[in-house]
Amino acid sequence: MCDVRKYSDMFKDMKTLQPEDTLQLIMEAKDEEEREFFEMLGNFLLQQKQKRLLKGTCFDEKIYFNCDLVVLYDNTKAFSRFAIYKNGDLYTITENVPMWFEKYVK
């Protein structure tokens, strides 16, 4: 059996990484497998941050109301832009809007 506490602690540490930290980890990875792991970690952290920003009523939130432009990305299959919020209007720029996002705009 694995040491669950050890991995839980590692997870808590990894959640504190900033985008520049994950970029450094990617750039200094020892091999391809490690680089891919850090890329997935970086994408996961960005997706979690995006979900926190979208939580609630989404585009009624103050953060979007005060922005001229917000660009939304998804990394479900590949890291890609799928929508923009510009001057108070939401525009999807692909037909492949992620399922996790649809619940925020209904």
N, C-alpha and C. Protein backbone atom coordinates (compact mmCIF):
# COMPACT_ATOMS: atom_id res chain seq x y z
N MET A 1 0.83 -1.19 0.00
CA MET A 1 0.00 0.00 0.00
C MET A 1 0.87 1.25 0.00
N CYS A 2 0.35 2.29 -0.63
CA CYS A 2 1.11 3.55 -0.69
C CYS A 2 0.85 4.39 0.56
N ASP A 3 1.71 5.33 0.76
CA ASP A 3 1.59 6.26 1.89
C ASP A 3 0.70 7.42 1.44
N VAL A 4 -0.59 7.31 1.73
CA VAL A 4 -1.58 8.29 1.26
C VAL A 4 -1.25 9.68 1.78
N ARG A 5 -0.84 9.79 2.99
CA ARG A 5 -0.52 11.11 3.57
C ARG A 5 0.61 11.78 2.78
N LYS A 6 1.62 11.01 2.41
CA LYS A 6 2.75 11.54 1.66
C LYS A 6 2.28 12.14 0.32
N TYR A 7 1.42 11.40 -0.38
CA TYR A 7 0.94 11.88 -1.68
C TYR A 7 -0.04 13.03 -1.53
N SER A 8 -0.81 13.01 -0.47
CA SER A 8 -1.71 14.13 -0.20
C SER A 8 -0.92 15.40 0.08
N ASP A 9 0.17 15.27 0.83
CA ASP A 9 1.03 16.42 1.09
C ASP A 9 1.68 16.93 -0.19
N MET A 10 2.10 16.00 -1.06
CA MET A 10 2.70 16.41 -2.34
C MET A 10 1.67 17.17 -3.19
N PHE A 11 0.43 16.69 -3.18
CA PHE A 11 -0.63 17.35 -3.92
C PHE A 11 -0.84 18.78 -3.41
N LYS A 12 -0.88 18.94 -2.09
CA LYS A 12 -1.04 20.27 -1.50
C LYS A 12 0.10 21.19 -1.90
N ASP A 13 1.32 20.67 -1.93
CA ASP A 13 2.47 21.46 -2.36
C ASP A 13 2.35 21.86 -3.82
N MET A 14 1.95 20.91 -4.67
CA MET A 14 1.86 21.19 -6.11
C MET A 14 0.78 22.20 -6.42
N LYS A 15 -0.29 22.24 -5.63
CA LYS A 15 -1.38 23.19 -5.88
C LYS A 15 -0.93 24.63 -5.70
N THR A 16 0.18 24.85 -5.01
CA THR A 16 0.66 26.22 -4.77
C THR A 16 1.55 26.72 -5.90
N LEU A 17 1.87 25.88 -6.87
CA LEU A 17 2.74 26.29 -7.97
C LEU A 17 2.09 27.38 -8.81
N GLN A 18 2.88 28.32 -9.24
CA GLN A 18 2.44 29.39 -10.12
C GLN A 18 2.79 29.00 -11.57
N PRO A 19 2.17 29.64 -12.56
CA PRO A 19 2.48 29.30 -13.95
C PRO A 19 3.97 29.37 -14.28
N GLU A 20 4.67 30.36 -13.74
CA GLU A 20 6.11 30.44 -14.03
C GLU A 20 6.88 29.28 -13.40
N ASP A 21 6.36 28.74 -12.29
CA ASP A 21 6.99 27.57 -11.67
C ASP A 21 6.84 26.34 -12.55
N THR A 22 5.62 26.12 -13.06
CA THR A 22 5.43 24.94 -13.91
C THR A 22 6.21 25.08 -15.21
N LEU A 23 6.33 26.30 -15.73
CA LEU A 23 7.14 26.51 -16.93
C LEU A 23 8.59 26.14 -16.66
N GLN A 24 9.10 26.55 -15.52
CA GLN A 24 10.48 26.20 -15.16
C GLN A 24 10.64 24.68 -15.04
N LEU A 25 9.67 24.02 -14.43
CA LEU A 25 9.73 22.57 -14.30
C LEU A 25 9.72 21.89 -15.68
N ILE A 26 8.91 22.41 -16.58
CA ILE A 26 8.85 21.86 -17.94
C ILE A 26 10.18 22.06 -18.65
N MET A 27 10.71 23.27 -18.56
CA MET A 27 11.96 23.60 -19.26
C MET A 27 13.15 22.80 -18.72
N GLU A 28 13.12 22.48 -17.43
CA GLU A 28 14.26 21.79 -16.82
C GLU A 28 14.00 20.31 -16.56
N ALA A 29 12.97 19.77 -17.17
CA ALA A 29 12.65 18.35 -16.98
C ALA A 29 13.80 17.47 -17.46
N LYS A 30 13.99 16.36 -16.75
CA LYS A 30 15.11 15.46 -17.06
C LYS A 30 14.87 14.62 -18.30
N ASP A 31 13.61 14.34 -18.61
CA ASP A 31 13.30 13.54 -19.79
C ASP A 31 11.89 13.86 -20.28
N GLU A 32 11.50 13.25 -21.38
CA GLU A 32 10.21 13.52 -22.02
C GLU A 32 9.03 13.19 -21.09
N GLU A 33 9.12 12.08 -20.40
CA GLU A 33 8.03 11.67 -19.51
C GLU A 33 7.82 12.69 -18.38
N GLU A 34 8.90 13.16 -17.81
CA GLU A 34 8.81 14.17 -16.75
C GLU A 34 8.26 15.48 -17.30
N ARG A 35 8.71 15.86 -18.49
CA ARG A 35 8.21 17.08 -19.13
C ARG A 35 6.70 16.99 -19.36
N GLU A 36 6.22 15.85 -19.85
CA GLU A 36 4.79 15.67 -20.08
C GLU A 36 4.00 15.73 -18.77
N PHE A 37 4.57 15.17 -17.72
CA PHE A 37 3.90 15.22 -16.41
C PHE A 37 3.73 16.67 -15.96
N PHE A 38 4.80 17.45 -16.06
CA PHE A 38 4.72 18.84 -15.62
C PHE A 38 3.81 19.67 -16.53
N GLU A 39 3.74 19.35 -17.81
CA GLU A 39 2.79 20.02 -18.70
C GLU A 39 1.36 19.72 -18.26
N MET A 40 1.08 18.45 -17.95
CA MET A 40 -0.26 18.09 -17.49
C MET A 40 -0.58 18.78 -16.16
N LEU A 41 0.39 18.84 -15.28
CA LEU A 41 0.19 19.52 -14.00
C LEU A 41 -0.12 21.00 -14.23
N GLY A 42 0.64 21.65 -15.09
CA GLY A 42 0.40 23.06 -15.39
C GLY A 42 -0.98 23.28 -15.98
N ASN A 43 -1.37 22.42 -16.91
CA ASN A 43 -2.71 22.53 -17.51
C ASN A 43 -3.80 22.32 -16.47
N PHE A 44 -3.60 21.33 -15.60
CA PHE A 44 -4.57 21.07 -14.53
C PHE A 44 -4.72 22.30 -13.64
N LEU A 45 -3.61 22.89 -13.22
CA LEU A 45 -3.66 24.05 -12.33
C LEU A 45 -4.35 25.23 -13.01
N LEU A 46 -4.08 25.44 -14.30
CA LEU A 46 -4.75 26.52 -15.03
C LEU A 46 -6.25 26.27 -15.15
N GLN A 47 -6.62 25.02 -15.40
CA GLN A 47 -8.04 24.69 -15.51
C GLN A 47 -8.74 24.90 -14.17
N GLN A 48 -8.10 24.52 -13.08
CA GLN A 48 -8.70 24.72 -11.76
C GLN A 48 -8.88 26.22 -11.46
N LYS A 49 -7.89 27.00 -11.83
CA LYS A 49 -7.99 28.45 -11.62
C LYS A 49 -9.14 29.03 -12.43
N GLN A 50 -9.26 28.57 -13.67
CA GLN A 50 -10.34 29.04 -14.53
C GLN A 50 -11.69 28.65 -13.95
N LYS A 51 -11.82 27.44 -13.42
CA LYS A 51 -13.08 27.01 -12.82
C LYS A 51 -13.43 27.87 -11.61
N ARG A 52 -12.42 28.22 -10.81
CA ARG A 52 -12.69 29.09 -9.66
C ARG A 52 -13.19 30.45 -10.11
N LEU A 53 -12.63 30.98 -11.19
CA LEU A 53 -13.06 32.28 -11.70
C LEU A 53 -14.48 32.23 -12.25
N LEU A 54 -14.85 31.09 -12.80
CA LEU A 54 -16.17 30.95 -13.42
C LEU A 54 -17.25 30.51 -12.44
N LYS A 55 -16.86 30.16 -11.24
CA LYS A 55 -17.81 29.64 -10.26
C LYS A 55 -18.94 30.65 -10.01
N GLY A 56 -20.12 30.13 -9.81
CA GLY A 56 -21.26 30.99 -9.53
C GLY A 56 -22.03 31.31 -10.79
N THR A 57 -22.35 32.56 -10.96
CA THR A 57 -23.17 32.96 -12.11
C THR A 57 -22.33 33.37 -13.31
N CYS A 58 -21.10 33.05 -13.27
CA CYS A 58 -20.18 33.22 -14.40
C CYS A 58 -20.06 34.66 -14.88
N PHE A 59 -20.77 35.05 -15.88
CA PHE A 59 -20.53 36.35 -16.50
C PHE A 59 -21.20 37.50 -15.78
N ASP A 60 -21.90 37.23 -14.70
CA ASP A 60 -22.40 38.30 -13.85
C ASP A 60 -21.38 38.66 -12.80
N GLU A 61 -20.31 37.87 -12.70
CA GLU A 61 -19.28 38.12 -11.69
C GLU A 61 -18.56 39.43 -11.98
N LYS A 62 -18.13 40.11 -10.93
CA LYS A 62 -17.46 41.40 -11.06
C LYS A 62 -16.22 41.33 -11.94
N ILE A 63 -15.50 40.22 -11.87
CA ILE A 63 -14.25 40.14 -12.64
C ILE A 63 -14.51 40.29 -14.13
N TYR A 64 -15.59 39.71 -14.65
CA TYR A 64 -15.88 39.80 -16.07
C TYR A 64 -16.53 41.14 -16.40
N PHE A 65 -17.35 41.62 -15.50
CA PHE A 65 -18.05 42.88 -15.73
C PHE A 65 -17.06 44.03 -15.93
N ASN A 66 -15.93 43.98 -15.26
CA ASN A 66 -14.95 45.06 -15.33
C ASN A 66 -13.88 44.85 -16.40
N CYS A 67 -13.95 43.77 -17.14
CA CYS A 67 -12.93 43.48 -18.15
C CYS A 67 -13.46 43.78 -19.55
N ASP A 68 -12.58 44.34 -20.38
CA ASP A 68 -12.93 44.54 -21.78
C ASP A 68 -12.83 43.25 -22.57
N LEU A 69 -11.87 42.40 -22.17
CA LEU A 69 -11.65 41.16 -22.90
C LEU A 69 -11.21 40.06 -21.93
N VAL A 70 -11.89 38.91 -22.01
CA VAL A 70 -11.52 37.71 -21.26
C VAL A 70 -11.45 36.58 -22.27
N VAL A 71 -10.35 35.83 -22.28
CA VAL A 71 -10.18 34.72 -23.20
C VAL A 71 -10.27 33.43 -22.38
N LEU A 72 -11.11 32.50 -22.84
CA LEU A 72 -11.34 31.25 -22.11
C LEU A 72 -10.68 30.08 -22.84
N TYR A 73 -9.98 29.27 -22.07
CA TYR A 73 -9.27 28.11 -22.60
C TYR A 73 -9.75 26.84 -21.94
N ASP A 74 -9.57 25.72 -22.63
CA ASP A 74 -9.89 24.40 -22.09
C ASP A 74 -8.72 23.47 -22.39
N ASN A 75 -8.49 22.53 -21.49
CA ASN A 75 -7.43 21.54 -21.75
C ASN A 75 -7.95 20.13 -21.57
N THR A 76 -9.24 19.90 -21.86
CA THR A 76 -9.82 18.57 -21.74
C THR A 76 -9.11 17.59 -22.67
N LYS A 77 -8.93 17.96 -23.92
CA LYS A 77 -8.22 17.10 -24.88
C LYS A 77 -6.89 17.72 -25.26
N ALA A 78 -6.91 18.98 -25.58
CA ALA A 78 -5.70 19.73 -25.90
C ALA A 78 -5.95 21.17 -25.45
N PHE A 79 -4.90 21.87 -25.08
CA PHE A 79 -5.06 23.23 -24.59
C PHE A 79 -5.48 24.11 -25.76
N SER A 80 -6.73 24.62 -25.69
CA SER A 80 -7.22 25.41 -26.82
C SER A 80 -8.21 26.47 -26.35
N ARG A 81 -8.23 27.55 -27.08
CA ARG A 81 -9.15 28.65 -26.81
C ARG A 81 -10.51 28.27 -27.36
N PHE A 82 -11.58 28.50 -26.59
CA PHE A 82 -12.90 28.14 -27.07
C PHE A 82 -13.91 29.28 -27.01
N ALA A 83 -13.61 30.35 -26.27
CA ALA A 83 -14.56 31.45 -26.17
C ALA A 83 -13.86 32.72 -25.74
N ILE A 84 -14.50 33.83 -26.04
CA ILE A 84 -14.03 35.12 -25.53
C ILE A 84 -15.24 35.88 -24.99
N TYR A 85 -14.98 36.68 -24.01
CA TYR A 85 -15.98 37.59 -23.43
C TYR A 85 -15.45 38.98 -23.74
N LYS A 86 -16.12 39.69 -24.65
CA LYS A 86 -15.61 40.97 -25.12
C LYS A 86 -16.67 42.05 -24.96
N ASN A 87 -16.30 43.10 -24.23
CA ASN A 87 -17.18 44.25 -24.02
C ASN A 87 -18.59 43.84 -23.60
N GLY A 88 -18.67 42.88 -22.69
CA GLY A 88 -19.96 42.46 -22.15
C GLY A 88 -20.68 41.37 -22.90
N ASP A 89 -20.11 40.88 -24.00
CA ASP A 89 -20.76 39.82 -24.78
C ASP A 89 -19.88 38.58 -24.85
N LEU A 90 -20.52 37.42 -24.77
CA LEU A 90 -19.82 36.14 -24.87
C LEU A 90 -19.87 35.63 -26.30
N TYR A 91 -18.72 35.25 -26.83
CA TYR A 91 -18.62 34.69 -28.17
C TYR A 91 -17.89 33.35 -28.08
N THR A 92 -18.52 32.29 -28.54
CA THR A 92 -17.79 31.03 -28.65
C THR A 92 -17.11 31.05 -30.00
N ILE A 93 -15.87 30.59 -30.03
CA ILE A 93 -15.10 30.66 -31.26
C ILE A 93 -14.84 29.27 -31.84
N THR A 94 -15.52 28.28 -31.28
CA THR A 94 -15.44 26.93 -31.79
C THR A 94 -16.75 26.23 -31.45
N GLU A 95 -17.07 25.18 -32.20
CA GLU A 95 -18.26 24.39 -31.87
C GLU A 95 -17.98 23.43 -30.73
N ASN A 96 -16.71 23.23 -30.40
CA ASN A 96 -16.32 22.28 -29.37
C ASN A 96 -16.21 22.95 -28.01
N VAL A 97 -17.34 23.44 -27.51
CA VAL A 97 -17.37 24.06 -26.19
C VAL A 97 -17.35 22.93 -25.16
N PRO A 98 -16.43 22.99 -24.20
CA PRO A 98 -16.32 21.90 -23.23
C PRO A 98 -17.58 21.75 -22.37
N MET A 99 -17.88 20.51 -22.02
CA MET A 99 -19.07 20.22 -21.24
C MET A 99 -19.04 20.92 -19.88
N TRP A 100 -17.84 21.02 -19.26
CA TRP A 100 -17.76 21.64 -17.95
C TRP A 100 -18.16 23.11 -18.00
N PHE A 101 -18.03 23.76 -19.16
CA PHE A 101 -18.36 25.17 -19.29
C PHE A 101 -19.86 25.40 -19.51
N GLU A 102 -20.50 24.46 -20.18
CA GLU A 102 -21.90 24.64 -20.56
C GLU A 102 -22.80 24.92 -19.36
N LYS A 103 -22.49 24.34 -18.21
CA LYS A 103 -23.34 24.55 -17.03
C LYS A 103 -23.27 26.00 -16.53
N TYR A 104 -22.22 26.74 -16.90
CA TYR A 104 -22.06 28.11 -16.45
C TYR A 104 -22.84 29.11 -17.29
N VAL A 105 -23.19 28.74 -18.50
CA VAL A 105 -23.86 29.68 -19.38
C VAL A 105 -25.34 29.36 -19.59
N LYS A 106 -25.84 28.35 -18.93
CA LYS A 106 -27.27 28.01 -19.05
C LYS A 106 -28.09 28.81 -18.09
